[in-house]
PDB file of N, CA and C in Angstrom:
ATOM      1  N   UNK A   1      93.315 -51.665-111.080  1.00  0.00           N
ATOM      2  CA  UNK A   1      93.757 -50.677-112.055  1.00  0.00           C
ATOM      3  C   UNK A   1      94.978 -49.937-111.522  1.00  0.00           C
ATOM      4  N   UNK A   2      95.825 -49.475-112.419  1.00  0.00           N
ATOM      5  CA  UNK A   2      97.051 -48.800-112.022  1.00  0.00           C
ATOM      6  C   UNK A   2      96.863 -47.312-111.741  1.00  0.00           C
ATOM      7  N   UNK A   3      95.667 -46.776-112.017  1.00  0.00           N
ATOM      8  CA  UNK A   3      95.393 -45.362-111.737  1.00  0.00           C
ATOM      9  C   UNK A   3      94.272 -45.238-110.720  1.00  0.00           C
ATOM     10  N   UNK A   4      94.321 -44.141-109.968  1.00  0.00           N
ATOM     11  CA  UNK A   4      93.300 -43.867-108.961  1.00  0.00           C
ATOM     12  C   UNK A   4      92.801 -42.438-109.142  1.00  0.00           C
ATOM     13  N   UNK A   5      91.693 -42.133-108.477  1.00  0.00           N
ATOM     14  CA  UNK A   5      91.126 -40.790-108.527  1.00  0.00           C
ATOM     15  C   UNK A   5      92.138 -39.789-107.971  1.00  0.00           C
ATOM     16  N   UNK A   6      92.333 -38.678-108.694  1.00  0.00           N
ATOM     17  CA  UNK A   6      93.257 -37.643-108.261  1.00  0.00           C
ATOM     18  C   UNK A   6      94.639 -37.746-108.876  1.00  0.00           C
ATOM     19  N   UNK A   7      94.945 -38.852-109.570  1.00  0.00           N
ATOM     20  CA  UNK A   7      96.244 -39.012-110.223  1.00  0.00           C
ATOM     21  C   UNK A   7      96.341 -38.116-111.449  1.00  0.00           C
ATOM     22  N   UNK A   8      97.545 -37.681-111.772  1.00  0.00           N
ATOM     23  CA  UNK A   8      97.803 -36.953-113.004  1.00  0.00           C
ATOM     24  C   UNK A   8      98.298 -37.959-114.032  1.00  0.00           C
ATOM     25  N   UNK A   9      97.629 -38.011-115.174  1.00  0.00           N
ATOM     26  CA  UNK A   9      97.965 -38.991-116.201  1.00  0.00           C
ATOM     27  C   UNK A   9      98.156 -38.318-117.550  1.00  0.00           C
ATOM     28  N   UNK A  10      98.841 -39.034-118.455  1.00  0.00           N
ATOM     29  CA  UNK A  10      99.017 -38.586-119.829  1.00  0.00           C
ATOM     30  C   UNK A  10      98.427 -39.636-120.741  1.00  0.00           C
ATOM     31  N   UNK A  11      97.674 -39.196-121.754  1.00  0.00           N
ATOM     32  CA  UNK A  11      97.077 -40.112-122.725  1.00  0.00           C
ATOM     33  C   UNK A  11      98.167 -40.538-123.696  1.00  0.00           C
ATOM     34  N   UNK A  12      98.302 -41.866-123.907  1.00  0.00           N
ATOM     35  CA  UNK A  12      99.386 -42.369-124.758  1.00  0.00           C
ATOM     36  C   UNK A  12      98.891 -42.958-126.065  1.00  0.00           C
ATOM     37  N   UNK A  13      97.562 -43.027-126.259  1.00  0.00           N
ATOM     38  CA  UNK A  13      97.021 -43.591-127.498  1.00  0.00           C
ATOM     39  C   UNK A  13      95.682 -42.951-127.821  1.00  0.00           C
ATOM     40  N   UNK A  14      95.332 -42.945-129.106  1.00  0.00           N
ATOM     41  CA  UNK A  14      94.039 -42.425-129.542  1.00  0.00           C
ATOM     42  C   UNK A  14      94.130 -41.001-130.048  1.00  0.00           C
ATOM     43  N   UNK A  15      92.969 -40.420-130.294  1.00  0.00           N
ATOM     44  CA  UNK A  15      92.910 -39.073-130.866  1.00  0.00           C
ATOM     45  C   UNK A  15      93.335 -37.996-129.872  1.00  0.00           C
ATOM     46  N   UNK A  16      93.302 -38.306-128.584  1.00  0.00           N
ATOM     47  CA  UNK A  16      93.665 -37.340-127.542  1.00  0.00           C
ATOM     48  C   UNK A  16      95.110 -37.534-127.073  1.00  0.00           C
ATOM     49  N   UNK A  17      95.922 -38.217-127.866  1.00  0.00           N
ATOM     50  CA  UNK A  17      97.301 -38.571-127.498  1.00  0.00           C
ATOM     51  C   UNK A  17      98.130 -37.345-127.113  1.00  0.00           C
ATOM     52  N   UNK A  18      98.829 -37.456-125.986  1.00  0.00           N
ATOM     53  CA  UNK A  18      99.704 -36.383-125.528  1.00  0.00           C
ATOM     54  C   UNK A  18      99.085 -35.462-124.500  1.00  0.00           C
ATOM     55  N   UNK A  19      97.771 -35.497-124.324  1.00  0.00           N
ATOM     56  CA  UNK A  19      97.109 -34.613-123.370  1.00  0.00           C
ATOM     57  C   UNK A  19      97.347 -35.101-121.939  1.00  0.00           C
ATOM     58  N   UNK A  20      97.470 -34.141-121.031  1.00  0.00           N
ATOM     59  CA  UNK A  20      97.691 -34.439-119.614  1.00  0.00           C
ATOM     60  C   UNK A  20      96.507 -33.905-118.830  1.00  0.00           C
ATOM     61  N   UNK A  21      96.016 -34.701-117.886  1.00  0.00           N
ATOM     62  CA  UNK A  21      94.891 -34.275-117.059  1.00  0.00           C
ATOM     63  C   UNK A  21      94.790 -35.083-115.791  1.00  0.00           C
ATOM     64  N   UNK A  22      93.862 -34.663-114.945  1.00  0.00           N
ATOM     65  CA  UNK A  22      93.655 -35.320-113.656  1.00  0.00           C
ATOM     66  C   UNK A  22      92.502 -36.311-113.765  1.00  0.00           C
ATOM     67  N   UNK A  23      92.644 -37.458-113.115  1.00  0.00           N
ATOM     68  CA  UNK A  23      91.591 -38.470-113.110  1.00  0.00           C
ATOM     69  C   UNK A  23      90.484 -38.007-112.177  1.00  0.00           C
ATOM     70  N   UNK A  24      89.288 -37.832-112.735  1.00  0.00           N
ATOM     71  CA  UNK A  24      88.144 -37.381-111.945  1.00  0.00           C
ATOM     72  C   UNK A  24      87.386 -38.556-111.325  1.00  0.00           C
ATOM     73  N   UNK A  25      87.347 -39.669-112.063  1.00  0.00           N
ATOM     74  CA  UNK A  25      86.577 -40.827-111.601  1.00  0.00           C
ATOM     75  C   UNK A  25      87.096 -42.077-112.299  1.00  0.00           C
ATOM     76  N   UNK A  26      87.009 -43.216-111.620  1.00  0.00           N
ATOM     77  CA  UNK A  26      87.410 -44.484-112.229  1.00  0.00           C
ATOM     78  C   UNK A  26      86.203 -45.415-112.277  1.00  0.00           C
ATOM     79  N   UNK A  27      86.177 -46.248-113.299  1.00  0.00           N
ATOM     80  CA  UNK A  27      85.125 -47.245-113.465  1.00  0.00           C
ATOM     81  C   UNK A  27      85.794 -48.622-113.516  1.00  0.00           C
ATOM     82  N   UNK A  28      86.060 -49.243-112.359  1.00  0.00           N
ATOM     83  CA  UNK A  28      86.814 -50.498-112.326  1.00  0.00           C
ATOM     84  C   UNK A  28      86.121 -51.656-113.039  1.00  0.00           C
ATOM     85  N   UNK A  29      84.807 -51.670-113.076  1.00  0.00           N
ATOM     86  CA  UNK A  29      84.086 -52.782-113.715  1.00  0.00           C
ATOM     87  C   UNK A  29      84.298 -52.820-115.225  1.00  0.00           C
ATOM     88  N   UNK A  30      84.492 -51.643-115.839  1.00  0.00           N
ATOM     89  CA  UNK A  30      84.755 -51.589-117.279  1.00  0.00           C
ATOM     90  C   UNK A  30      86.196 -51.187-117.586  1.00  0.00           C
ATOM     91  N   UNK A  31      86.998 -50.949-116.554  1.00  0.00           N
ATOM     92  CA  UNK A  31      88.403 -50.552-116.668  1.00  0.00           C
ATOM     93  C   UNK A  31      88.561 -49.256-117.465  1.00  0.00           C
ATOM     94  N   UNK A  32      87.709 -48.264-117.151  1.00  0.00           N
ATOM     95  CA  UNK A  32      87.769 -46.967-117.817  1.00  0.00           C
ATOM     96  C   UNK A  32      87.993 -45.865-116.788  1.00  0.00           C
ATOM     97  N   UNK A  33      88.511 -44.734-117.278  1.00  0.00           N
ATOM     98  CA  UNK A  33      88.759 -43.587-116.415  1.00  0.00           C
ATOM     99  C   UNK A  33      88.224 -42.313-117.062  1.00  0.00           C
ATOM    100  N   UNK A  34      87.807 -41.379-116.212  1.00  0.00           N
ATOM    101  CA  UNK A  34      87.304 -40.087-116.657  1.00  0.00           C
ATOM    102  C   UNK A  34      88.372 -39.053-116.331  1.00  0.00           C
ATOM    103  N   UNK A  35      88.879 -38.356-117.357  1.00  0.00           N
ATOM    104  CA  UNK A  35      89.982 -37.420-117.178  1.00  0.00           C
ATOM    105  C   UNK A  35      89.519 -36.013-117.526  1.00  0.00           C
ATOM    106  N   UNK A  36      89.912 -35.062-116.684  1.00  0.00           N
ATOM    107  CA  UNK A  36      89.511 -33.663-116.871  1.00  0.00           C
ATOM    108  C   UNK A  36      90.124 -33.097-118.152  1.00  0.00           C
ATOM    109  N   UNK A  37      89.281 -32.601-119.053  1.00  0.00           N
ATOM    110  CA  UNK A  37      89.723 -31.961-120.285  1.00  0.00           C
ATOM    111  C   UNK A  37      90.093 -32.903-121.411  1.00  0.00           C
ATOM    112  N   UNK A  38      89.849 -34.201-121.249  1.00  0.00           N
ATOM    113  CA  UNK A  38      90.192 -35.194-122.269  1.00  0.00           C
ATOM    114  C   UNK A  38      88.928 -35.900-122.734  1.00  0.00           C
ATOM    115  N   UNK A  39      88.825 -36.157-124.033  1.00  0.00           N
ATOM    116  CA  UNK A  39      87.671 -36.826-124.649  1.00  0.00           C
ATOM    117  C   UNK A  39      86.378 -36.039-124.395  1.00  0.00           C
ATOM    118  N   UNK A  40      86.427 -34.736-124.639  1.00  0.00           N
ATOM    119  CA  UNK A  40      85.282 -33.844-124.415  1.00  0.00           C
ATOM    120  C   UNK A  40      84.359 -33.906-125.627  1.00  0.00           C
ATOM    121  N   UNK A  41      83.082 -34.134-125.367  1.00  0.00           N
ATOM    122  CA  UNK A  41      82.083 -34.198-126.433  1.00  0.00           C
ATOM    123  C   UNK A  41      80.964 -33.217-126.133  1.00  0.00           C
ATOM    124  N   UNK A  42      80.289 -32.753-127.192  1.00  0.00           N
ATOM    125  CA  UNK A  42      79.157 -31.852-127.007  1.00  0.00           C
ATOM    126  C   UNK A  42      77.867 -32.655-126.991  1.00  0.00           C
ATOM    127  N   UNK A  43      76.965 -32.253-126.111  1.00  0.00           N
ATOM    128  CA  UNK A  43      75.695 -32.947-125.975  1.00  0.00           C
ATOM    129  C   UNK A  43      74.577 -31.918-126.076  1.00  0.00           C
ATOM    130  N   UNK A  44      73.613 -32.193-126.932  1.00  0.00           N
ATOM    131  CA  UNK A  44      72.461 -31.313-127.099  1.00  0.00           C
ATOM    132  C   UNK A  44      71.385 -31.733-126.103  1.00  0.00           C
ATOM    133  N   UNK A  45      70.989 -30.801-125.241  1.00  0.00           N
ATOM    134  CA  UNK A  45      70.009 -31.089-124.195  1.00  0.00           C
ATOM    135  C   UNK A  45      68.687 -30.425-124.558  1.00  0.00           C
ATOM    136  N   UNK A  46      67.625 -31.222-124.593  1.00  0.00           N
ATOM    137  CA  UNK A  46      66.289 -30.693-124.893  1.00  0.00           C
ATOM    138  C   UNK A  46      65.770 -29.885-123.705  1.00  0.00           C
ATOM    139  N   UNK A  47      64.887 -28.918-123.978  1.00  0.00           N
ATOM    140  CA  UNK A  47      64.298 -28.175-122.856  1.00  0.00           C
ATOM    141  C   UNK A  47      63.390 -29.083-122.025  1.00  0.00           C
ATOM    142  N   UNK A  48      63.470 -28.954-120.708  1.00  0.00           N
ATOM    143  CA  UNK A  48      62.685 -29.803-119.807  1.00  0.00           C
ATOM    144  C   UNK A  48      61.287 -29.222-119.557  1.00  0.00           C
ATOM    145  N   UNK A  49      61.198 -27.896-119.432  1.00  0.00           N
ATOM    146  CA  UNK A  49      59.916 -27.257-119.169  1.00  0.00           C
ATOM    147  C   UNK A  49      59.528 -26.378-120.342  1.00  0.00           C
ATOM    148  N   UNK A  50      58.239 -26.044-120.403  1.00  0.00           N
ATOM    149  CA  UNK A  50      57.751 -25.179-121.475  1.00  0.00           C
ATOM    150  C   UNK A  50      58.282 -23.768-121.268  1.00  0.00           C
ATOM    151  N   UNK A  51      58.760 -23.163-122.327  1.00  0.00           N
ATOM    152  CA  UNK A  51      59.321 -21.813-122.252  1.00  0.00           C
ATOM    153  C   UNK A  51      60.826 -21.819-122.031  1.00  0.00           C
ATOM    154  N   UNK A  52      61.360 -22.934-121.658  1.00  0.00           N
ATOM    155  CA  UNK A  52      62.809 -23.048-121.439  1.00  0.00           C
ATOM    156  C   UNK A  52      63.496 -23.364-122.768  1.00  0.00           C
ATOM    157  N   UNK A  53      64.694 -22.830-122.952  1.00  0.00           N
ATOM    158  CA  UNK A  53      65.399 -23.102-124.208  1.00  0.00           C
ATOM    159  C   UNK A  53      66.351 -24.291-124.027  1.00  0.00           C
ATOM    160  N   UNK A  54      66.645 -24.936-125.137  1.00  0.00           N
ATOM    161  CA  UNK A  54      67.576 -26.055-125.107  1.00  0.00           C
ATOM    162  C   UNK A  54      69.010 -25.567-124.950  1.00  0.00           C
ATOM    163  N   UNK A  55      69.918 -26.498-124.656  1.00  0.00           N
ATOM    164  CA  UNK A  55      71.306 -26.121-124.424  1.00  0.00           C
ATOM    165  C   UNK A  55      72.249 -27.070-125.142  1.00  0.00           C
ATOM    166  N   UNK A  56      73.453 -26.593-125.358  1.00  0.00           N
ATOM    167  CA  UNK A  56      74.529 -27.452-125.842  1.00  0.00           C
ATOM    168  C   UNK A  56      75.582 -27.474-124.745  1.00  0.00           C
ATOM    169  N   UNK A  57      75.783 -28.637-124.128  1.00  0.00           N
ATOM    170  CA  UNK A  57      76.746 -28.751-123.042  1.00  0.00           C
ATOM    171  C   UNK A  57      77.927 -29.603-123.482  1.00  0.00           C
ATOM    172  N   UNK A  58      79.073 -29.366-122.862  1.00  0.00           N
ATOM    173  CA  UNK A  58      80.253 -30.174-123.142  1.00  0.00           C
ATOM    174  C   UNK A  58      80.579 -30.994-121.902  1.00  0.00           C
ATOM    175  N   UNK A  59      80.766 -32.311-122.087  1.00  0.00           N
ATOM    176  CA  UNK A  59      81.109 -33.178-120.972  1.00  0.00           C
ATOM    177  C   UNK A  59      82.219 -34.149-121.379  1.00  0.00           C
ATOM    178  N   UNK A  60      82.988 -34.571-120.388  1.00  0.00           N
ATOM    179  CA  UNK A  60      84.054 -35.541-120.623  1.00  0.00           C
ATOM    180  C   UNK A  60      83.478 -36.946-120.628  1.00  0.00           C
ATOM    181  N   UNK A  61      83.962 -37.769-121.538  1.00  0.00           N
ATOM    182  CA  UNK A  61      83.565 -39.161-121.591  1.00  0.00           C
ATOM    183  C   UNK A  61      84.751 -40.027-121.184  1.00  0.00           C
ATOM    184  N   UNK A  62      84.497 -41.206-120.617  1.00  0.00           N
ATOM    185  CA  UNK A  62      85.607 -42.045-120.162  1.00  0.00           C
ATOM    186  C   UNK A  62      86.394 -42.671-121.307  1.00  0.00           C
ATOM    187  N   UNK A  63      87.683 -42.928-121.046  1.00  0.00           N
ATOM    188  CA  UNK A  63      88.527 -43.665-121.975  1.00  0.00           C
ATOM    189  C   UNK A  63      89.122 -44.856-121.226  1.00  0.00           C
ATOM    190  N   UNK A  64      89.618 -45.837-121.966  1.00  0.00           N
ATOM    191  CA  UNK A  64      90.143 -47.057-121.354  1.00  0.00           C
ATOM    192  C   UNK A  64      91.431 -46.765-120.589  1.00  0.00           C
ATOM    193  N   UNK A  65      91.588 -47.418-119.459  1.00  0.00           N
ATOM    194  CA  UNK A  65      92.742 -47.154-118.595  1.00  0.00           C
ATOM    195  C   UNK A  65      94.064 -47.599-119.215  1.00  0.00           C
ATOM    196  N   UNK A  66      94.011 -48.506-120.194  1.00  0.00           N
ATOM    197  CA  UNK A  66      95.253 -48.943-120.839  1.00  0.00           C
ATOM    198  C   UNK A  66      95.829 -47.863-121.751  1.00  0.00           C
ATOM    199  N   UNK A  67      95.053 -46.835-122.055  1.00  0.00           N
ATOM    200  CA  UNK A  67      95.501 -45.751-122.923  1.00  0.00           C
ATOM    201  C   UNK A  67      96.089 -44.573-122.154  1.00  0.00           C
ATOM    202  N   UNK A  68      96.286 -44.735-120.834  1.00  0.00           N
ATOM    203  CA  UNK A  68      96.866 -43.668-120.029  1.00  0.00           C
ATOM    204  C   UNK A  68      98.062 -44.183-119.237  1.00  0.00           C
ATOM    205  N   UNK A  69      98.989 -43.245-118.948  1.00  0.00           N
ATOM    206  CA  UNK A  69     100.173 -43.524-118.136  1.00  0.00           C
ATOM    207  C   UNK A  69     100.269 -42.468-117.057  1.00  0.00           C
ATOM    208  N   UNK A  70     100.752 -42.863-115.891  1.00  0.00           N
ATOM    209  CA  UNK A  70     100.949 -41.876-114.841  1.00  0.00           C
ATOM    210  C   UNK A  70     101.993 -40.861-115.262  1.00  0.00           C
ATOM    211  N   UNK A  71     101.802 -39.605-114.837  1.00  0.00           N
ATOM    212  CA  UNK A  71     102.624 -38.490-115.286  1.00  0.00           C
ATOM    213  C   UNK A  71     103.233 -37.773-114.085  1.00  0.00           C
ATOM    214  N   UNK A  72     104.520 -37.527-114.143  1.00  0.00           N
ATOM    215  CA  UNK A  72     105.213 -36.792-113.092  1.00  0.00           C
ATOM    216  C   UNK A  72     105.196 -35.307-113.444  1.00  0.00           C
ATOM    217  N   UNK A  73     104.559 -34.496-112.610  1.00  0.00           N
ATOM    218  CA  UNK A  73     104.480 -33.059-112.878  1.00  0.00           C
ATOM    219  C   UNK A  73     105.807 -32.371-112.592  1.00  0.00           C
ATOM    220  N   UNK A  74     106.619 -32.940-111.703  1.00  0.00           N
ATOM    221  CA  UNK A  74     107.925 -32.348-111.382  1.00  0.00           C
ATOM    222  C   UNK A  74     108.906 -32.543-112.533  1.00  0.00           C
ATOM    223  N   UNK A  75     109.008 -33.789-113.047  1.00  0.00           N
ATOM    224  CA  UNK A  75     109.959 -34.111-114.107  1.00  0.00           C
ATOM    225  C   UNK A  75     109.384 -33.924-115.508  1.00  0.00           C
ATOM    226  N   UNK A  76     108.076 -33.745-115.608  1.00  0.00           N
ATOM    227  CA  UNK A  76     107.363 -33.598-116.889  1.00  0.00           C
ATOM    228  C   UNK A  76     107.590 -34.807-117.793  1.00  0.00           C
ATOM    229  N   UNK A  77     107.374 -36.017-117.235  1.00  0.00           N
ATOM    230  CA  UNK A  77     107.588 -37.247-117.996  1.00  0.00           C
ATOM    231  C   UNK A  77     106.563 -38.295-117.560  1.00  0.00           C
ATOM    232  N   UNK A  78     106.095 -39.107-118.525  1.00  0.00           N
ATOM    233  CA  UNK A  78     105.176 -40.201-118.227  1.00  0.00           C
ATOM    234  C   UNK A  78     105.990 -41.450-117.925  1.00  0.00           C
ATOM    235  N   UNK A  79     105.471 -42.285-117.020  1.00  0.00           N
ATOM    236  CA  UNK A  79     106.226 -43.452-116.608  1.00  0.00           C
ATOM    237  C   UNK A  79     105.301 -44.583-116.191  1.00  0.00           C
ATOM    238  N   UNK A  80     105.837 -45.804-116.311  1.00  0.00           N
ATOM    239  CA  UNK A  80     105.124 -46.957-115.771  1.00  0.00           C
ATOM    240  C   UNK A  80     105.256 -46.936-114.259  1.00  0.00           C
ATOM    241  N   UNK A  81     104.488 -47.804-113.583  1.00  0.00           N
ATOM    242  CA  UNK A  81     104.585 -47.838-112.129  1.00  0.00           C
ATOM    243  C   UNK A  81     105.046 -49.199-111.659  1.00  0.00           C
ATOM    244  N   UNK A  82     105.620 -49.201-110.469  1.00  0.00           N
ATOM    245  CA  UNK A  82     105.946 -50.451-109.795  1.00  0.00           C
ATOM    246  C   UNK A  82     105.484 -50.297-108.352  1.00  0.00           C
ATOM    247  N   UNK A  83     105.312 -51.410-107.694  1.00  0.00           N
ATOM    248  CA  UNK A  83     104.863 -51.408-106.316  1.00  0.00           C
ATOM    249  C   UNK A  83     106.042 -51.729-105.414  1.00  0.00           C
ATOM    250  N   UNK A  84     106.294 -50.883-104.407  1.00  0.00           N
ATOM    251  CA  UNK A  84     107.379 -51.099-103.465  1.00  0.00           C
ATOM    252  C   UNK A  84     106.856 -50.870-102.055  1.00  0.00           C
ATOM    253  N   UNK A  85     107.691 -51.153-101.089  1.00  0.00           N
ATOM    254  CA  UNK A  85     107.334 -50.941 -99.688  1.00  0.00           C
ATOM    255  C   UNK A  85     108.152 -49.773 -99.139  1.00  0.00           C
ATOM    256  N   UNK A  86     107.478 -48.880 -98.410  1.00  0.00           N
ATOM    257  CA  UNK A  86     108.186 -47.744 -97.826  1.00  0.00           C
ATOM    258  C   UNK A  86     108.784 -48.142 -96.480  1.00  0.00           C
ATOM    259  N   UNK A  87     109.360 -47.183 -95.765  1.00  0.00           N
ATOM    260  CA  UNK A  87     110.035 -47.481 -94.507  1.00  0.00           C
ATOM    261  C   UNK A  87     109.087 -48.005 -93.430  1.00  0.00           C
ATOM    262  N   UNK A  88     107.801 -47.652 -93.526  1.00  0.00           N
ATOM    263  CA  UNK A  88     106.817 -48.141 -92.559  1.00  0.00           C
ATOM    264  C   UNK A  88     106.347 -49.556 -92.872  1.00  0.00           C
ATOM    265  N   UNK A  89     106.747 -50.093 -94.031  1.00  0.00           N
ATOM    266  CA  UNK A  89     106.306 -51.430 -94.436  1.00  0.00           C
ATOM    267  C   UNK A  89     105.009 -51.397 -95.219  1.00  0.00           C
ATOM    268  N   UNK A  90     104.567 -50.192 -95.611  1.00  0.00           N
ATOM    269  CA  UNK A  90     103.335 -50.027 -96.382  1.00  0.00           C
ATOM    270  C   UNK A  90     103.635 -50.153 -97.864  1.00  0.00           C
ATOM    271  N   UNK A  91     102.742 -50.799 -98.600  1.00  0.00           N
ATOM    272  CA  UNK A  91     102.901 -50.953-100.050  1.00  0.00           C
ATOM    273  C   UNK A  91     102.480 -49.653-100.733  1.00  0.00           C
ATOM    274  N   UNK A  92     103.371 -49.090-101.569  1.00  0.00           N
ATOM    275  CA  UNK A  92     103.109 -47.824-102.247  1.00  0.00           C
ATOM    276  C   UNK A  92     103.406 -47.959-103.727  1.00  0.00           C
ATOM    277  N   UNK A  93     102.832 -47.039-104.517  1.00  0.00           N
ATOM    278  CA  UNK A  93     103.098 -46.999-105.954  1.00  0.00           C
ATOM    279  C   UNK A  93     104.253 -46.045-106.214  1.00  0.00           C
ATOM    280  N   UNK A  94     105.137 -46.438-107.143  1.00  0.00           N
ATOM    281  CA  UNK A  94     106.304 -45.623-107.446  1.00  0.00           C
ATOM    282  C   UNK A  94     106.488 -45.570-108.961  1.00  0.00           C
ATOM    283  N   UNK A  95     106.861 -44.391-109.478  1.00  0.00           N
ATOM    284  CA  UNK A  95     107.144 -44.243-110.898  1.00  0.00           C
ATOM    285  C   UNK A  95     108.509 -44.862-111.193  1.00  0.00           C
ATOM    286  N   UNK A  96     108.581 -45.704-112.221  1.00  0.00           N
ATOM    287  CA  UNK A  96     109.824 -46.401-112.546  1.00  0.00           C
ATOM    288  C   UNK A  96     110.904 -45.466-113.058  1.00  0.00           C
ATOM    289  N   UNK A  97     110.551 -44.503-113.894  1.00  0.00           N
ATOM    290  CA  UNK A  97     111.539 -43.617-114.508  1.00  0.00           C
ATOM    291  C   UNK A  97     112.172 -42.672-113.491  1.00  0.00           C
ATOM    292  N   UNK A  98     111.338 -42.089-112.611  1.00  0.00           N
ATOM    293  CA  UNK A  98     111.832 -41.031-111.723  1.00  0.00           C
ATOM    294  C   UNK A  98     112.073 -41.496-110.298  1.00  0.00           C
ATOM    295  N   UNK A  99     111.462 -42.593-109.905  1.00  0.00           N
ATOM    296  CA  UNK A  99     111.579 -43.067-108.518  1.00  0.00           C
ATOM    297  C   UNK A  99     110.681 -42.316-107.557  1.00  0.00           C
ATOM    298  N   UNK A 100     109.777 -41.513-108.107  1.00  0.00           N
ATOM    299  CA  UNK A 100     108.856 -40.704-107.307  1.00  0.00           C
ATOM    300  C   UNK A 100     107.748 -41.588-106.722  1.00  0.00           C
ATOM    301  N   UNK A 101     107.507 -41.473-105.419  1.00  0.00           N
ATOM    302  CA  UNK A 101     106.449 -42.235-104.746  1.00  0.00           C
ATOM    303  C   UNK A 101     105.150 -41.466-104.875  1.00  0.00           C
ATOM    304  N   UNK A 102     104.073 -42.158-105.311  1.00  0.00           N
ATOM    305  CA  UNK A 102     102.783 -41.493-105.545  1.00  0.00           C
ATOM    306  C   UNK A 102     101.902 -41.505-104.303  1.00  0.00           C
ATOM    307  N   UNK A 103     101.766 -42.659-103.672  1.00  0.00           N
ATOM    308  CA  UNK A 103     100.886 -42.759-102.498  1.00  0.00           C
ATOM    309  C   UNK A 103     101.562 -42.240-101.236  1.00  0.00           C
TER     310      UNK A 103
END
């Protein structure tokens, strides 16, 4: 996958289009990502014990990784990535539009 945990991404498709958030978790087997503040749904939780009241909680649900692009917080622009080698000979991810190295 082109995104990793901790990356800042922008949603480029769907009902949440245009939102920017941080990747909290990745699911490589299904190619989905969990982004902070994106695709938030409400869930009704039943009371577990007697005398306890039920709750309505809000949680983020994963979206497909093809619907997100890496986002440069300095330039405020979304960009595709390319893989290059740095001066140490290590393979790193770089934003194509800005030339900013991510790793």
